Amino acid sequence: LYDMFVSNITTTFGIQESNFQFIATAKDQRDL
């Protein structure tokens, strides 16, 4: 299953957000 990576502004003590490393949680492609 495909996972995704999303870039955001994540500078410590600047603008403290986070990147996203989205990992698929579906059982299989049919469930997805």
ModelCIF file with pLDDT and N, C-alpha, C, O atoms, coordinates in Angstrom:
data_MODEL
#
_entry.id   MODEL 
#
_entity.id                         1 
_entity.type                       polymer 
_entity.pdbx_number_of_molecules   1 
#
_entity_poly.entity_id                      1 
_entity_poly.type                           'polypeptide(L)' 
_entity_poly.nstd_linkage                   no 
_entity_poly.nstd_monomer                   no 
_entity_poly.pdbx_seq_one_letter_code       LYDMFVSNITTTFGIQESNFQFIATAKDQRDL 
_entity_poly.pdbx_seq_one_letter_code_can   LYDMFVSNITTTFGIQESNFQFIATAKDQRDL 
_entity_poly.pdbx_strand_id                 A 
#
loop_
_entity_poly_seq.entity_id 
_entity_poly_seq.num 
_entity_poly_seq.mon_id 
_entity_poly_seq.hetero 
1 1  LEU n 
1 2  TYR n 
1 3  ASP n 
1 4  MET n 
1 5  PHE n 
1 6  VAL n 
1 7  SER n 
1 8  ASN n 
1 9  ILE n 
1 10 THR n 
1 11 THR n 
1 12 THR n 
1 13 PHE n 
1 14 GLY n 
1 15 ILE n 
1 16 GLN n 
1 17 GLU n 
1 18 SER n 
1 19 ASN n 
1 20 PHE n 
1 21 GLN n 
1 22 PHE n 
1 23 ILE n 
1 24 ALA n 
1 25 THR n 
1 26 ALA n 
1 27 LYS n 
1 28 ASP n 
1 29 GLN n 
1 30 ARG n 
1 31 ASP n 
1 32 LEU n 
#
_struct_asym.id          A 
_struct_asym.entity_id   1 
#
loop_
_ma_qa_metric.id 
_ma_qa_metric.mode 
_ma_qa_metric.name 
_ma_qa_metric.software_group_id 
_ma_qa_metric.type 
1 global pLDDT . pLDDT 
2 local  pLDDT . pLDDT 
#
_ma_qa_metric_global.metric_id      1 
_ma_qa_metric_global.metric_value   94.62 
_ma_qa_metric_global.model_id       1 
_ma_qa_metric_global.ordinal_id     1 
#
loop_
_ma_qa_metric_local.label_asym_id 
_ma_qa_metric_local.label_comp_id 
_ma_qa_metric_local.label_seq_id 
_ma_qa_metric_local.metric_id 
_ma_qa_metric_local.metric_value 
_ma_qa_metric_local.model_id 
_ma_qa_metric_local.ordinal_id 
A LEU 1  2 98.00 1 1  
A TYR 2  2 98.00 1 2  
A ASP 3  2 98.00 1 3  
A MET 4  2 98.00 1 4  
A PHE 5  2 98.00 1 5  
A VAL 6  2 98.00 1 6  
A SER 7  2 98.00 1 7  
A ASN 8  2 97.00 1 8  
A ILE 9  2 95.00 1 9  
A THR 10 2 95.00 1 10 
A THR 11 2 92.00 1 11 
A THR 12 2 84.00 1 12 
A PHE 13 2 80.00 1 13 
A GLY 14 2 83.00 1 14 
A ILE 15 2 81.00 1 15 
A GLN 16 2 83.00 1 16 
A GLU 17 2 91.00 1 17 
A SER 18 2 95.00 1 18 
A ASN 19 2 97.00 1 19 
A PHE 20 2 98.00 1 20 
A GLN 21 2 98.00 1 21 
A PHE 22 2 98.00 1 22 
A ILE 23 2 98.00 1 23 
A ALA 24 2 98.00 1 24 
A THR 25 2 98.00 1 25 
A ALA 26 2 98.00 1 26 
A LYS 27 2 97.00 1 27 
A ASP 28 2 97.00 1 28 
A GLN 29 2 96.00 1 29 
A ARG 30 2 97.00 1 30 
A ASP 31 2 98.00 1 31 
A LEU 32 2 98.00 1 32 
#
loop_
_atom_site.group_PDB 
_atom_site.id 
_atom_site.type_symbol 
_atom_site.label_atom_id 
_atom_site.label_alt_id 
_atom_site.label_comp_id 
_atom_site.label_asym_id 
_atom_site.label_entity_id 
_atom_site.label_seq_id 
_atom_site.pdbx_PDB_ins_code 
_atom_site.Cartn_x 
_atom_site.Cartn_y 
_atom_site.Cartn_z 
_atom_site.occupancy 
_atom_site.B_iso_or_equiv 
_atom_site.pdbx_formal_charge 
_atom_site.auth_seq_id 
_atom_site.auth_comp_id 
_atom_site.auth_asym_id 
_atom_site.auth_atom_id 
_atom_site.pdbx_PDB_model_num 
ATOM 1   N N  . LEU A 1 1  ? 0.845   -1.191 0.000  1.00 98.00 ? 1  LEU A N  1 
ATOM 2   C CA . LEU A 1 1  ? 0.000   0.000  0.000  1.00 98.00 ? 1  LEU A CA 1 
ATOM 3   C C  . LEU A 1 1  ? 0.882   1.243  0.000  1.00 98.00 ? 1  LEU A C  1 
ATOM 4   O O  . LEU A 1 1  ? 1.922   1.280  0.658  1.00 98.00 ? 1  LEU A O  1 
ATOM 5   N N  . TYR A 1 2  ? 0.458   2.250  -0.740 1.00 98.00 ? 2  TYR A N  1 
ATOM 6   C CA . TYR A 1 2  ? 1.237   3.482  -0.800 1.00 98.00 ? 2  TYR A CA 1 
ATOM 7   C C  . TYR A 1 2  ? 1.152   4.254  0.511  1.00 98.00 ? 2  TYR A C  1 
ATOM 8   O O  . TYR A 1 2  ? 0.083   4.384  1.108  1.00 98.00 ? 2  TYR A O  1 
ATOM 9   N N  . ASP A 1 3  ? 2.305   4.765  0.943  1.00 98.00 ? 3  ASP A N  1 
ATOM 10  C CA . ASP A 1 3  ? 2.405   5.724  2.022  1.00 98.00 ? 3  ASP A CA 1 
ATOM 11  C C  . ASP A 1 3  ? 2.709   7.088  1.410  1.00 98.00 ? 3  ASP A C  1 
ATOM 12  O O  . ASP A 1 3  ? 2.960   7.184  0.209  1.00 98.00 ? 3  ASP A O  1 
ATOM 13  N N  . MET A 1 4  ? 2.689   8.138  2.219  1.00 98.00 ? 4  MET A N  1 
ATOM 14  C CA . MET A 1 4  ? 2.900   9.492  1.722  1.00 98.00 ? 4  MET A CA 1 
ATOM 15  C C  . MET A 1 4  ? 3.841   10.258 2.639  1.00 98.00 ? 4  MET A C  1 
ATOM 16  O O  . MET A 1 4  ? 3.893   10.016 3.845  1.00 98.00 ? 4  MET A O  1 
ATOM 17  N N  . PHE A 1 5  ? 4.585   11.188 2.044  1.00 98.00 ? 5  PHE A N  1 
ATOM 18  C CA . PHE A 1 5  ? 5.401   12.121 2.833  1.00 98.00 ? 5  PHE A CA 1 
ATOM 19  C C  . PHE A 1 5  ? 5.021   13.530 2.399  1.00 98.00 ? 5  PHE A C  1 
ATOM 20  O O  . PHE A 1 5  ? 5.010   13.843 1.208  1.00 98.00 ? 5  PHE A O  1 
ATOM 21  N N  . VAL A 1 6  ? 4.706   14.384 3.384  1.00 98.00 ? 6  VAL A N  1 
ATOM 22  C CA . VAL A 1 6  ? 4.303   15.767 3.122  1.00 98.00 ? 6  VAL A CA 1 
ATOM 23  C C  . VAL A 1 6  ? 5.260   16.701 3.852  1.00 98.00 ? 6  VAL A C  1 
ATOM 24  O O  . VAL A 1 6  ? 5.481   16.560 5.055  1.00 98.00 ? 6  VAL A O  1 
ATOM 25  N N  . SER A 1 7  ? 5.827   17.656 3.116  1.00 98.00 ? 7  SER A N  1 
ATOM 26  C CA . SER A 1 7  ? 6.710   18.661 3.717  1.00 98.00 ? 7  SER A CA 1 
ATOM 27  C C  . SER A 1 7  ? 5.890   19.813 4.289  1.00 98.00 ? 7  SER A C  1 
ATOM 28  O O  . SER A 1 7  ? 4.928   20.276 3.676  1.00 98.00 ? 7  SER A O  1 
ATOM 29  N N  . ASN A 1 8  ? 6.289   20.263 5.473  1.00 97.00 ? 8  ASN A N  1 
ATOM 30  C CA . ASN A 1 8  ? 5.684   21.433 6.111  1.00 97.00 ? 8  ASN A CA 1 
ATOM 31  C C  . ASN A 1 8  ? 6.793   22.322 6.667  1.00 97.00 ? 8  ASN A C  1 
ATOM 32  O O  . ASN A 1 8  ? 7.974   21.997 6.546  1.00 97.00 ? 8  ASN A O  1 
ATOM 33  N N  . ILE A 1 9  ? 6.409   23.445 7.278  1.00 95.00 ? 9  ILE A N  1 
ATOM 34  C CA . ILE A 1 9  ? 7.395   24.287 7.975  1.00 95.00 ? 9  ILE A CA 1 
ATOM 35  C C  . ILE A 1 9  ? 7.592   23.701 9.361  1.00 95.00 ? 9  ILE A C  1 
ATOM 36  O O  . ILE A 1 9  ? 6.645   23.614 10.143 1.00 95.00 ? 9  ILE A O  1 
ATOM 37  N N  . THR A 1 10 ? 8.820   23.296 9.668  1.00 95.00 ? 10 THR A N  1 
ATOM 38  C CA . THR A 1 10 ? 9.065   22.515 10.887 1.00 95.00 ? 10 THR A CA 1 
ATOM 39  C C  . THR A 1 10 ? 10.303  23.003 11.627 1.00 95.00 ? 10 THR A C  1 
ATOM 40  O O  . THR A 1 10 ? 11.049  22.198 12.184 1.00 95.00 ? 10 THR A O  1 
ATOM 41  N N  . THR A 1 11 ? 10.528  24.311 11.637 1.00 92.00 ? 11 THR A N  1 
ATOM 42  C CA . THR A 1 11 ? 11.744  24.849 12.248 1.00 92.00 ? 11 THR A CA 1 
ATOM 43  C C  . THR A 1 11 ? 11.593  24.924 13.763 1.00 92.00 ? 11 THR A C  1 
ATOM 44  O O  . THR A 1 11 ? 10.702  25.603 14.273 1.00 92.00 ? 11 THR A O  1 
ATOM 45  N N  . THR A 1 12 ? 12.456  24.233 14.467 1.00 84.00 ? 12 THR A N  1 
ATOM 46  C CA . THR A 1 12 ? 12.417  24.240 15.919 1.00 84.00 ? 12 THR A CA 1 
ATOM 47  C C  . THR A 1 12 ? 12.604  25.659 16.451 1.00 84.00 ? 12 THR A C  1 
ATOM 48  O O  . THR A 1 12 ? 13.549  26.357 16.082 1.00 84.00 ? 12 THR A O  1 
ATOM 49  N N  . PHE A 1 13 ? 11.690  26.070 17.321 1.00 80.00 ? 13 PHE A N  1 
ATOM 50  C CA . PHE A 1 13 ? 11.663  27.426 17.890 1.00 80.00 ? 13 PHE A CA 1 
ATOM 51  C C  . PHE A 1 13 ? 11.548  28.492 16.803 1.00 80.00 ? 13 PHE A C  1 
ATOM 52  O O  . PHE A 1 13 ? 11.915  29.646 17.027 1.00 80.00 ? 13 PHE A O  1 
ATOM 53  N N  . GLY A 1 14 ? 11.047  28.121 15.640 1.00 83.00 ? 14 GLY A N  1 
ATOM 54  C CA . GLY A 1 14 ? 10.699  29.085 14.605 1.00 83.00 ? 14 GLY A CA 1 
ATOM 55  C C  . GLY A 1 14 ? 9.197   29.003 14.426 1.00 83.00 ? 14 GLY A C  1 
ATOM 56  O O  . GLY A 1 14 ? 8.435   29.682 15.113 1.00 83.00 ? 14 GLY A O  1 
ATOM 57  N N  . ILE A 1 15 ? 8.789   28.167 13.499 1.00 81.00 ? 15 ILE A N  1 
ATOM 58  C CA . ILE A 1 15 ? 7.390   27.758 13.386 1.00 81.00 ? 15 ILE A CA 1 
ATOM 59  C C  . ILE A 1 15 ? 7.405   26.247 13.546 1.00 81.00 ? 15 ILE A C  1 
ATOM 60  O O  . ILE A 1 15 ? 7.778   25.523 12.623 1.00 81.00 ? 15 ILE A O  1 
ATOM 61  N N  . GLN A 1 16 ? 6.995   25.767 14.731 1.00 83.00 ? 16 GLN A N  1 
ATOM 62  C CA . GLN A 1 16 ? 7.177   24.371 15.108 1.00 83.00 ? 16 GLN A CA 1 
ATOM 63  C C  . GLN A 1 16 ? 5.944   23.560 14.731 1.00 83.00 ? 16 GLN A C  1 
ATOM 64  O O  . GLN A 1 16 ? 5.080   23.297 15.567 1.00 83.00 ? 16 GLN A O  1 
ATOM 65  N N  . GLU A 1 17 ? 5.872   23.168 13.462 1.00 91.00 ? 17 GLU A N  1 
ATOM 66  C CA . GLU A 1 17 ? 4.840   22.233 13.048 1.00 91.00 ? 17 GLU A CA 1 
ATOM 67  C C  . GLU A 1 17 ? 5.523   20.870 12.936 1.00 91.00 ? 17 GLU A C  1 
ATOM 68  O O  . GLU A 1 17 ? 6.368   20.543 13.769 1.00 91.00 ? 17 GLU A O  1 
ATOM 69  N N  . SER A 1 18 ? 5.182   20.078 11.937 1.00 95.00 ? 18 SER A N  1 
ATOM 70  C CA . SER A 1 18 ? 5.927   18.845 11.692 1.00 95.00 ? 18 SER A CA 1 
ATOM 71  C C  . SER A 1 18 ? 5.672   18.410 10.261 1.00 95.00 ? 18 SER A C  1 
ATOM 72  O O  . SER A 1 18 ? 4.644   18.744 9.672  1.00 95.00 ? 18 SER A O  1 
ATOM 73  N N  . ASN A 1 19 ? 6.621   17.657 9.703  1.00 97.00 ? 19 ASN A N  1 
ATOM 74  C CA . ASN A 1 19 ? 6.337   16.962 8.463  1.00 97.00 ? 19 ASN A CA 1 
ATOM 75  C C  . ASN A 1 19 ? 5.322   15.856 8.739  1.00 97.00 ? 19 ASN A C  1 
ATOM 76  O O  . ASN A 1 19 ? 5.059   15.509 9.891  1.00 97.00 ? 19 ASN A O  1 
ATOM 77  N N  . PHE A 1 20 ? 4.758   15.311 7.663  1.00 98.00 ? 20 PHE A N  1 
ATOM 78  C CA . PHE A 1 20 ? 3.876   14.154 7.783  1.00 98.00 ? 20 PHE A CA 1 
ATOM 79  C C  . PHE A 1 20 ? 4.513   12.973 7.067  1.00 98.00 ? 20 PHE A C  1 
ATOM 80  O O  . PHE A 1 20 ? 4.791   13.049 5.871  1.00 98.00 ? 20 PHE A O  1 
ATOM 81  N N  . GLN A 1 21 ? 4.743   11.896 7.780  1.00 98.00 ? 21 GLN A N  1 
ATOM 82  C CA . GLN A 1 21 ? 5.097   10.634 7.148  1.00 98.00 ? 21 GLN A CA 1 
ATOM 83  C C  . GLN A 1 21 ? 3.908   9.709  7.368  1.00 98.00 ? 21 GLN A C  1 
ATOM 84  O O  . GLN A 1 21 ? 3.855   8.956  8.341  1.00 98.00 ? 21 GLN A O  1 
ATOM 85  N N  . PHE A 1 22 ? 2.952   9.783  6.439  1.00 98.00 ? 22 PHE A N  1 
ATOM 86  C CA . PHE A 1 22 ? 1.694   9.066  6.565  1.00 98.00 ? 22 PHE A CA 1 
ATOM 87  C C  . PHE A 1 22 ? 1.885   7.605  6.145  1.00 98.00 ? 22 PHE A C  1 
ATOM 88  O O  . PHE A 1 22 ? 2.229   7.321  4.998  1.00 98.00 ? 22 PHE A O  1 
ATOM 89  N N  . ILE A 1 23 ? 1.662   6.689  7.079  1.00 98.00 ? 23 ILE A N  1 
ATOM 90  C CA . ILE A 1 23 ? 1.776   5.256  6.826  1.00 98.00 ? 23 ILE A CA 1 
ATOM 91  C C  . ILE A 1 23 ? 0.370   4.665  6.714  1.00 98.00 ? 23 ILE A C  1 
ATOM 92  O O  . ILE A 1 23 ? -0.476  4.901  7.577  1.00 98.00 ? 23 ILE A O  1 
ATOM 93  N N  . ALA A 1 24 ? 0.122   3.901  5.655  1.00 98.00 ? 24 ALA A N  1 
ATOM 94  C CA . ALA A 1 24 ? -1.200  3.319  5.433  1.00 98.00 ? 24 ALA A CA 1 
ATOM 95  C C  . ALA A 1 24 ? -1.545  2.327  6.540  1.00 98.00 ? 24 ALA A C  1 
ATOM 96  O O  . ALA A 1 24 ? -0.706  1.525  6.950  1.00 98.00 ? 24 ALA A O  1 
ATOM 97  N N  . THR A 1 25 ? -2.792  2.391  7.023  1.00 98.00 ? 25 THR A N  1 
ATOM 98  C CA . THR A 1 25 ? -3.246  1.504  8.100  1.00 98.00 ? 25 THR A CA 1 
ATOM 99  C C  . THR A 1 25 ? -4.305  0.516  7.630  1.00 98.00 ? 25 THR A C  1 
ATOM 100 O O  . THR A 1 25 ? -4.761  -0.305 8.426  1.00 98.00 ? 25 THR A O  1 
ATOM 101 N N  . ALA A 1 26 ? -4.714  0.569  6.359  1.00 98.00 ? 26 ALA A N  1 
ATOM 102 C CA . ALA A 1 26 ? -5.720  -0.368 5.851  1.00 98.00 ? 26 ALA A CA 1 
ATOM 103 C C  . ALA A 1 26 ? -5.154  -1.792 5.836  1.00 98.00 ? 26 ALA A C  1 
ATOM 104 O O  . ALA A 1 26 ? -3.940  -1.987 5.777  1.00 98.00 ? 26 ALA A O  1 
ATOM 105 N N  . LYS A 1 27 ? -6.047  -2.774 5.889  1.00 97.00 ? 27 LYS A N  1 
ATOM 106 C CA . LYS A 1 27 ? -5.625  -4.171 5.897  1.00 97.00 ? 27 LYS A CA 1 
ATOM 107 C C  . LYS A 1 27 ? -5.006  -4.569 4.559  1.00 97.00 ? 27 LYS A C  1 
ATOM 108 O O  . LYS A 1 27 ? -3.993  -5.266 4.513  1.00 97.00 ? 27 LYS A O  1 
ATOM 109 N N  . ASP A 1 28 ? -5.623  -4.122 3.490  1.00 97.00 ? 28 ASP A N  1 
ATOM 110 C CA . ASP A 1 28 ? -5.163  -4.438 2.150  1.00 97.00 ? 28 ASP A CA 1 
ATOM 111 C C  . ASP A 1 28 ? -5.766  -3.425 1.195  1.00 97.00 ? 28 ASP A C  1 
ATOM 112 O O  . ASP A 1 28 ? -6.425  -2.482 1.632  1.00 97.00 ? 28 ASP A O  1 
ATOM 113 N N  . GLN A 1 29 ? -5.553  -3.602 -0.097 1.00 96.00 ? 29 GLN A N  1 
ATOM 114 C CA . GLN A 1 29 ? -6.029  -2.617 -1.061 1.00 96.00 ? 29 GLN A CA 1 
ATOM 115 C C  . GLN A 1 29 ? -7.558  -2.564 -1.121 1.00 96.00 ? 29 GLN A C  1 
ATOM 116 O O  . GLN A 1 29 ? -8.137  -1.494 -1.307 1.00 96.00 ? 29 GLN A O  1 
ATOM 117 N N  . ARG A 1 30 ? -8.201  -3.708 -0.966 1.00 97.00 ? 30 ARG A N  1 
ATOM 118 C CA . ARG A 1 30 ? -9.670  -3.713 -0.975 1.00 97.00 ? 30 ARG A CA 1 
ATOM 119 C C  . ARG A 1 30 ? -10.219 -2.923 0.204  1.00 97.00 ? 30 ARG A C  1 
ATOM 120 O O  . ARG A 1 30 ? -11.167 -2.154 0.048  1.00 97.00 ? 30 ARG A O  1 
ATOM 121 N N  . ASP A 1 31 ? -9.634  -3.104 1.377  1.00 98.00 ? 31 ASP A N  1 
ATOM 122 C CA . ASP A 1 31 ? -10.067 -2.356 2.560  1.00 98.00 ? 31 ASP A CA 1 
ATOM 123 C C  . ASP A 1 31 ? -9.787  -0.864 2.375  1.00 98.00 ? 31 ASP A C  1 
ATOM 124 O O  . ASP A 1 31 ? -10.596 -0.024 2.771  1.00 98.00 ? 31 ASP A O  1 
ATOM 125 N N  . LEU A 1 32 ? -8.645  -0.537 1.774  1.00 98.00 ? 32 LEU A N  1 
ATOM 126 C CA . LEU A 1 32 ? -8.318  0.860  1.505  1.00 98.00 ? 32 LEU A CA 1 
ATOM 127 C C  . LEU A 1 32 ? -9.362  1.484  0.580  1.00 98.00 ? 32 LEU A C  1 
ATOM 128 O O  . LEU A 1 32 ? -9.258  2.662  0.238  1.00 98.00 ? 32 LEU A O  1 
#
